[in-house]
C-alpha atoms as a PDB file:
ATOM      1  CA  ARG A   1     -11.705  11.609   1.571  1.00  0.00           C
ATOM      2  CA  THR A   2     -11.148   7.879   0.595  1.00  0.00           C
ATOM      3  CA  ALA A   3     -10.458   7.163  -3.178  1.00  0.00           C
ATOM      4  CA  GLY A   4      -9.095   3.795  -3.090  1.00  0.00           C
ATOM      5  CA  VAL A   5     -11.568   0.956  -3.266  1.00  0.00           C
ATOM      6  CA  VAL A   6     -11.310  -1.902  -1.727  1.00  0.00           C
ATOM      7  CA  GLY A   7     -10.149  -4.690  -4.059  1.00  0.00           C
ATOM      8  CA  SER A   8      -8.798  -2.849  -6.479  1.00  0.00           C
ATOM      9  CA  GLU A   9      -5.027  -3.381  -8.479  1.00  0.00           C
ATOM     10  CA  THR A  10      -2.613  -0.853  -9.155  1.00  0.00           C
ATOM     11  CA  SER A  11      -3.832  -0.785 -11.747  1.00  0.00           C
ATOM     12  CA  ALA A  12      -7.128   1.253 -10.303  1.00  0.00           C
ATOM     13  CA  LEU A  13      -5.510   4.040  -9.093  1.00  0.00           C
ATOM     14  CA  ALA A  14      -4.945   6.617 -12.051  1.00  0.00           C
ATOM     15  CA  ALA A  15      -9.175   6.544 -11.912  1.00  0.00           C
ATOM     16  CA  GLN A  16      -8.972   6.716  -8.501  1.00  0.00           C
ATOM     17  CA  LEU A  17      -6.387  10.273  -8.000  1.00  0.00           C
ATOM     18  CA  ALA A  18      -8.754  11.207 -11.686  1.00  0.00           C
ATOM     19  CA  GLY A  19     -12.210  11.059  -9.626  1.00  0.00           C
ATOM     20  CA  LEU A  20     -11.101  13.688  -7.160  1.00  0.00           C
ATOM     21  CA  PRO A  21     -13.107  17.211  -7.498  1.00  0.00           C
ATOM     22  CA  LYS A  22     -10.237  18.609  -9.181  1.00  0.00           C
ATOM     23  CA  ASP A  23      -9.289  21.422  -6.974  1.00  0.00           C
ATOM     24  CA  TYR A  24      -8.821  18.954  -4.262  1.00  0.00           C
ATOM     25  CA  ARG A  25      -5.875  18.901  -2.597  1.00  0.00           C
ATOM     26  CA  ALA A  26      -4.900  16.343   0.048  1.00  0.00           C
ATOM     27  CA  ASP A  27      -2.581  17.420   2.546  1.00  0.00           C
ATOM     28  CA  VAL A  28      -0.989  13.560   2.407  1.00  0.00           C
ATOM     29  CA  ALA A  29      -1.747  10.263   0.421  1.00  0.00           C
ATOM     30  CA  VAL A  30      -1.600   6.950   2.131  1.00  0.00           C
ATOM     31  CA  ILE A  31      -1.500   4.038  -0.537  1.00  0.00           C
ATOM     32  CA  ILE A  32      -1.277   0.623  -0.050  1.00  0.00           C
ATOM     33  CA  VAL A  33      -2.188  -1.289  -2.558  1.00  0.00           C
ATOM     34  CA  GLY A  34      -0.276  -4.596  -4.111  1.00  0.00           C
ATOM     35  CA  GLY A  35      -2.415  -7.796  -2.669  1.00  0.00           C
ATOM     36  CA  ASN A  36      -4.643  -7.704  -5.016  1.00  0.00           C
ATOM     37  CA  ASP A  37      -1.655  -7.275  -7.736  1.00  0.00           C
ATOM     38  CA  VAL A  38      -0.368 -10.691  -5.890  1.00  0.00           C
ATOM     39  CA  THR A  39      -3.274 -12.545  -6.096  1.00  0.00           C
ATOM     40  CA  HIS A  40      -4.157 -12.178 -10.120  1.00  0.00           C
ATOM     41  CA  ARG A  41      -0.790 -12.324 -10.661  1.00  0.00           C
ATOM     42  CA  VAL A  42       0.011  -8.299 -12.615  1.00  0.00           C
ATOM     43  CA  PRO A  43       3.810  -8.159 -13.511  1.00  0.00           C
ATOM     44  CA  VAL A  44       4.983  -6.891 -10.922  1.00  0.00           C
ATOM     45  CA  ALA A  45       7.110  -4.826 -13.427  1.00  0.00           C
ATOM     46  CA  LEU A  46       3.840  -3.769 -14.930  1.00  0.00           C
ATOM     47  CA  ALA A  47       2.734  -2.597 -10.739  1.00  0.00           C
ATOM     48  CA  ALA A  48       5.313  -1.745 -10.065  1.00  0.00           C
ATOM     49  CA  ALA A  49       5.035   1.217 -12.609  1.00  0.00           C
ATOM     50  CA  GLN A  50       1.560   2.158 -11.793  1.00  0.00           C
ATOM     51  CA  LEU A  51       2.287   2.983  -8.905  1.00  0.00           C
ATOM     52  CA  ALA A  52       4.931   5.495  -9.251  1.00  0.00           C
ATOM     53  CA  ASP A  53       2.582   6.814 -11.483  1.00  0.00           C
ATOM     54  CA  ALA A  54       0.398   7.689  -9.165  1.00  0.00           C
ATOM     55  CA  VAL A  55       3.626   9.109  -6.849  1.00  0.00           C
ATOM     56  CA  ARG A  56       4.755  11.265  -9.667  1.00  0.00           C
ATOM     57  CA  GLN A  57       0.921  12.262 -10.368  1.00  0.00           C
ATOM     58  CA  LEU A  58       1.072  13.786  -6.593  1.00  0.00           C
ATOM     59  CA  ARG A  59       3.773  14.592  -5.925  1.00  0.00           C
ATOM     60  CA  SER A  60       4.004  16.689  -9.302  1.00  0.00           C
ATOM     61  CA  SER A  61       0.827  18.088  -7.205  1.00  0.00           C
ATOM     62  CA  GLY A  62       3.379  18.890  -4.113  1.00  0.00           C
ATOM     63  CA  ILE A  63       1.221  16.140  -2.130  1.00  0.00           C
ATOM     64  CA  PRO A  64       3.725  14.617   0.130  1.00  0.00           C
ATOM     65  CA  VAL A  65       2.586  10.263  -0.229  1.00  0.00           C
ATOM     66  CA  VAL A  66       3.083   7.191   2.692  1.00  0.00           C
ATOM     67  CA  VAL A  67       2.538   4.089   0.405  1.00  0.00           C
ATOM     68  CA  GLY A  68       2.434   1.662   2.621  1.00  0.00           C
ATOM     69  CA  THR A  69       4.141  -1.543   0.152  1.00  0.00           C
ATOM     70  CA  CYS A  70       2.582  -4.931  -0.080  1.00  0.00           C
ATOM     71  CA  PRO A  71       1.913  -6.542   2.593  1.00  0.00           C
ATOM     72  CA  ASP A  72       3.066 -10.475   3.218  1.00  0.00           C
ATOM     73  CA  LEU A  73       0.472 -12.845   1.953  1.00  0.00           C
ATOM     74  CA  GLY A  74       2.432 -15.764   3.468  1.00  0.00           C
ATOM     75  CA  THR A  75       0.308 -14.773   6.567  1.00  0.00           C
ATOM     76  CA  LEU A  76      -2.963 -15.867   5.137  1.00  0.00           C
ATOM     77  CA  ARG A  77      -3.334 -19.240   6.990  1.00  0.00           C
ATOM     78  CA  ALA A  78      -6.433 -19.710   4.321  1.00  0.00           C
ATOM     79  CA  VAL A  79      -3.557 -20.284   1.432  1.00  0.00           C
ATOM     80  CA  PRO A  80      -2.641 -23.737   1.740  1.00  0.00           C
ATOM     81  CA  GLN A  81       1.305 -24.964   1.538  1.00  0.00           C
ATOM     82  CA  PRO A  82       2.588 -23.989  -1.972  1.00  0.00           C
ATOM     83  CA  LEU A  83       0.894 -21.936  -2.610  1.00  0.00           C
ATOM     84  CA  ARG A  84       1.673 -19.843   0.770  1.00  0.00           C
ATOM     85  CA  SER A  85       4.915 -19.804   0.599  1.00  0.00           C
ATOM     86  CA  LEU A  86       4.320 -18.505  -3.304  1.00  0.00           C
ATOM     87  CA  ALA A  87       2.669 -15.827  -2.380  1.00  0.00           C
ATOM     88  CA  ALA A  88       4.752 -14.654   0.323  1.00  0.00           C
ATOM     89  CA  ARG A  89       7.448 -14.686  -2.062  1.00  0.00           C
ATOM     90  CA  ALA A  90       5.102 -13.490  -4.312  1.00  0.00           C
ATOM     91  CA  SER A  91       3.943 -10.433  -1.772  1.00  0.00           C
ATOM     92  CA  ARG A  92       8.366  -9.739  -0.637  1.00  0.00           C
ATOM     93  CA  GLN A  93       8.867  -9.318  -4.814  1.00  0.00           C
ATOM     94  CA  LEU A  94       6.457  -6.606  -5.394  1.00  0.00           C
ATOM     95  CA  ALA A  95       6.837  -5.302  -1.764  1.00  0.00           C
ATOM     96  CA  ALA A  96      10.543  -4.238  -3.204  1.00  0.00           C
ATOM     97  CA  ALA A  97       9.890  -2.793  -7.016  1.00  0.00           C
ATOM     98  CA  GLN A  98       6.676  -1.104  -5.390  1.00  0.00           C
ATOM     99  CA  ALA A  99       9.724   1.003  -2.453  1.00  0.00           C
ATOM    100  CA  ASP A 100      12.450   1.487  -5.347  1.00  0.00           C
ATOM    101  CA  ALA A 101       8.949   2.520  -6.910  1.00  0.00           C
ATOM    102  CA  VAL A 102       7.844   5.126  -4.552  1.00  0.00           C
ATOM    103  CA  THR A 103      11.761   6.401  -3.407  1.00  0.00           C
ATOM    104  CA  THR A 104      12.821   7.358  -6.755  1.00  0.00           C
ATOM    105  CA  THR A 105       9.628   9.524  -7.589  1.00  0.00           C
ATOM    106  CA  GLY A 106       9.333  11.303  -3.857  1.00  0.00           C
ATOM    107  CA  GLY A 107       7.036   8.957  -2.118  1.00  0.00           C
ATOM    108  CA  ARG A 108       7.703   7.238   1.722  1.00  0.00           C
ATOM    109  CA  VAL A 109       7.653   3.632   2.579  1.00  0.00           C
ATOM    110  CA  VAL A 110       6.308   1.358   4.959  1.00  0.00           C
ATOM    111  CA  ALA A 111       6.958  -1.950   4.111  1.00  0.00           C
ATOM    112  CA  LEU A 112       3.371  -3.658   5.501  1.00  0.00           C
ATOM    113  CA  ALA A 113       5.471  -7.106   5.260  1.00  0.00           C
ATOM    114  CA  GLY A 114       7.986  -6.030   8.105  1.00  0.00           C
ATOM    115  CA  ALA A 115       5.857  -3.570  10.673  1.00  0.00           C
ATOM    116  CA  VAL A 116       2.321  -5.831  10.476  1.00  0.00           C
ATOM    117  CA  GLY A 117       3.483  -9.240   9.643  1.00  0.00           C
ATOM    118  CA  PRO A 118       4.765 -11.008  12.093  1.00  0.00           C
ATOM    119  CA  VAL A 119       1.797 -10.158  14.073  1.00  0.00           C
ATOM    120  CA  PHE A 120      -0.501 -11.087  11.523  1.00  0.00           C
ATOM    121  CA  ALA A 121       1.592 -13.992  11.600  1.00  0.00           C
ATOM    122  CA  ALA A 122       1.722 -14.893  15.586  1.00  0.00           C
ATOM    123  CA  ARG A 123      -2.342 -13.830  15.462  1.00  0.00           C
ATOM    124  CA  PRO A 124      -4.511 -14.359  12.837  1.00  0.00           C
ATOM    125  CA  ASP A 125      -7.766 -15.274  14.962  1.00  0.00           C
ATOM    126  CA  GLU A 126      -7.452 -11.092  16.083  1.00  0.00           C
ATOM    127  CA  MET A 127      -6.266  -9.312  13.608  1.00  0.00           C
ATOM    128  CA  PHE A 128      -8.406 -11.043  10.336  1.00  0.00           C
ATOM    129  CA  SER A 129     -11.439 -11.023   9.382  1.00  0.00           C
ATOM    130  CA  VAL A 130     -14.045 -13.807   9.264  1.00  0.00           C
ATOM    131  CA  ASP A 131     -13.088 -14.619   5.372  1.00  0.00           C
ATOM    132  CA  ARG A 132      -9.642 -14.829   6.843  1.00  0.00           C
ATOM    133  CA  PHE A 133      -8.253 -12.746   3.794  1.00  0.00           C
ATOM    134  CA  HIS A 134      -8.273  -9.327   4.876  1.00  0.00           C
ATOM    135  CA  PRO A 135      -8.087  -7.735   8.013  1.00  0.00           C
ATOM    136  CA  SER A 136     -10.243  -7.080  10.606  1.00  0.00           C
ATOM    137  CA  ALA A 137     -10.486  -3.926  12.102  1.00  0.00           C
ATOM    138  CA  THR A 138      -8.027  -4.750  14.591  1.00  0.00           C
ATOM    139  CA  GLY A 139      -6.175  -5.422  12.046  1.00  0.00           C
ATOM    140  CA  TYR A 140      -6.651  -2.190  10.112  1.00  0.00           C
ATOM    141  CA  ARG A 141      -5.844  -0.756  13.376  1.00  0.00           C
ATOM    142  CA  ARG A 142      -2.172  -1.628  13.927  1.00  0.00           C
ATOM    143  CA  THR A 143      -1.764  -1.159  10.084  1.00  0.00           C
ATOM    144  CA  ALA A 144      -2.888   2.611  10.100  1.00  0.00           C
ATOM    145  CA  GLU A 145      -0.569   2.395  14.170  1.00  0.00           C
ATOM    146  CA  ALA A 146       2.676   1.312  11.535  1.00  0.00           C
ATOM    147  CA  LEU A 147       1.571   4.293   9.100  1.00  0.00           C
ATOM    148  CA  LEU A 148       1.462   6.196  11.354  1.00  0.00           C
ATOM    149  CA  PRO A 149       4.726   7.875  11.841  1.00  0.00           C
ATOM    150  CA  VAL A 150       5.298   7.869   8.574  1.00  0.00           C
ATOM    151  CA  VAL A 151       2.680  10.066   7.699  1.00  0.00           C
ATOM    152  CA  LEU A 152       3.051  12.833  10.775  1.00  0.00           C
ATOM    153  CA  GLU A 153       7.068  13.188   8.770  1.00  0.00           C
ATOM    154  CA  ALA A 154       5.534  13.367   5.582  1.00  0.00           C
ATOM    155  CA  VAL A 155       2.412  15.917   6.862  1.00  0.00           C
ATOM    156  CA  ALA A 156       4.847  18.391   8.247  1.00  0.00           C
ATOM    157  CA  GLU A 157       7.543  18.513   5.007  1.00  0.00           C
ATOM    158  CA  PRO A 158       7.249  21.907   3.791  1.00  0.00           C
ATOM    159  CA  ALA A 159       4.696  22.771   1.264  1.00  0.00           C
ATOM    160  CA  PRO A 160       7.041  23.337  -2.180  1.00  0.00           C
ATOM    161  CA  ALA A 161       6.691  26.841  -2.929  1.00  0.00           C
ATOM    162  CA  ARG A 162       4.425  27.839  -5.370  1.00  0.00           C
ATOM    163  CA  ARG A 163       5.190  28.996  -9.182  1.00  0.00           C
END
């Protein structure tokens, strides 16, 4: 199931989780969020707290969680300088806060800026879609490949004992 909605900010996670069927239990939850928080200038502390709430909720249900942290928006060549440098800095700040929020609430982190950022920077025509903002199919594939090893680790995690 996909509960996520393209274009959402972290604030939408609670409603997305609430929209899942009550009896649904995922084998693993994968969350990729942050880019829209940066572009809409959502305060880092607020976005990180909202992410922590979502991870905490999923973990309390025994669901392993993998979060792909905010990608490096500095790879967006469609964004002119100096805004691109500011976006890069803001995305790094958010990714660091996300990583802290996720690890302290029991989730696993994939730092997308490091895992896929260099590929997006080196091959933007291939990695970005025609809007030069969102990933192309190849970009999404590369992102999925970066997430997969950690998702497999999470799925292999023993389920918590039911009370």
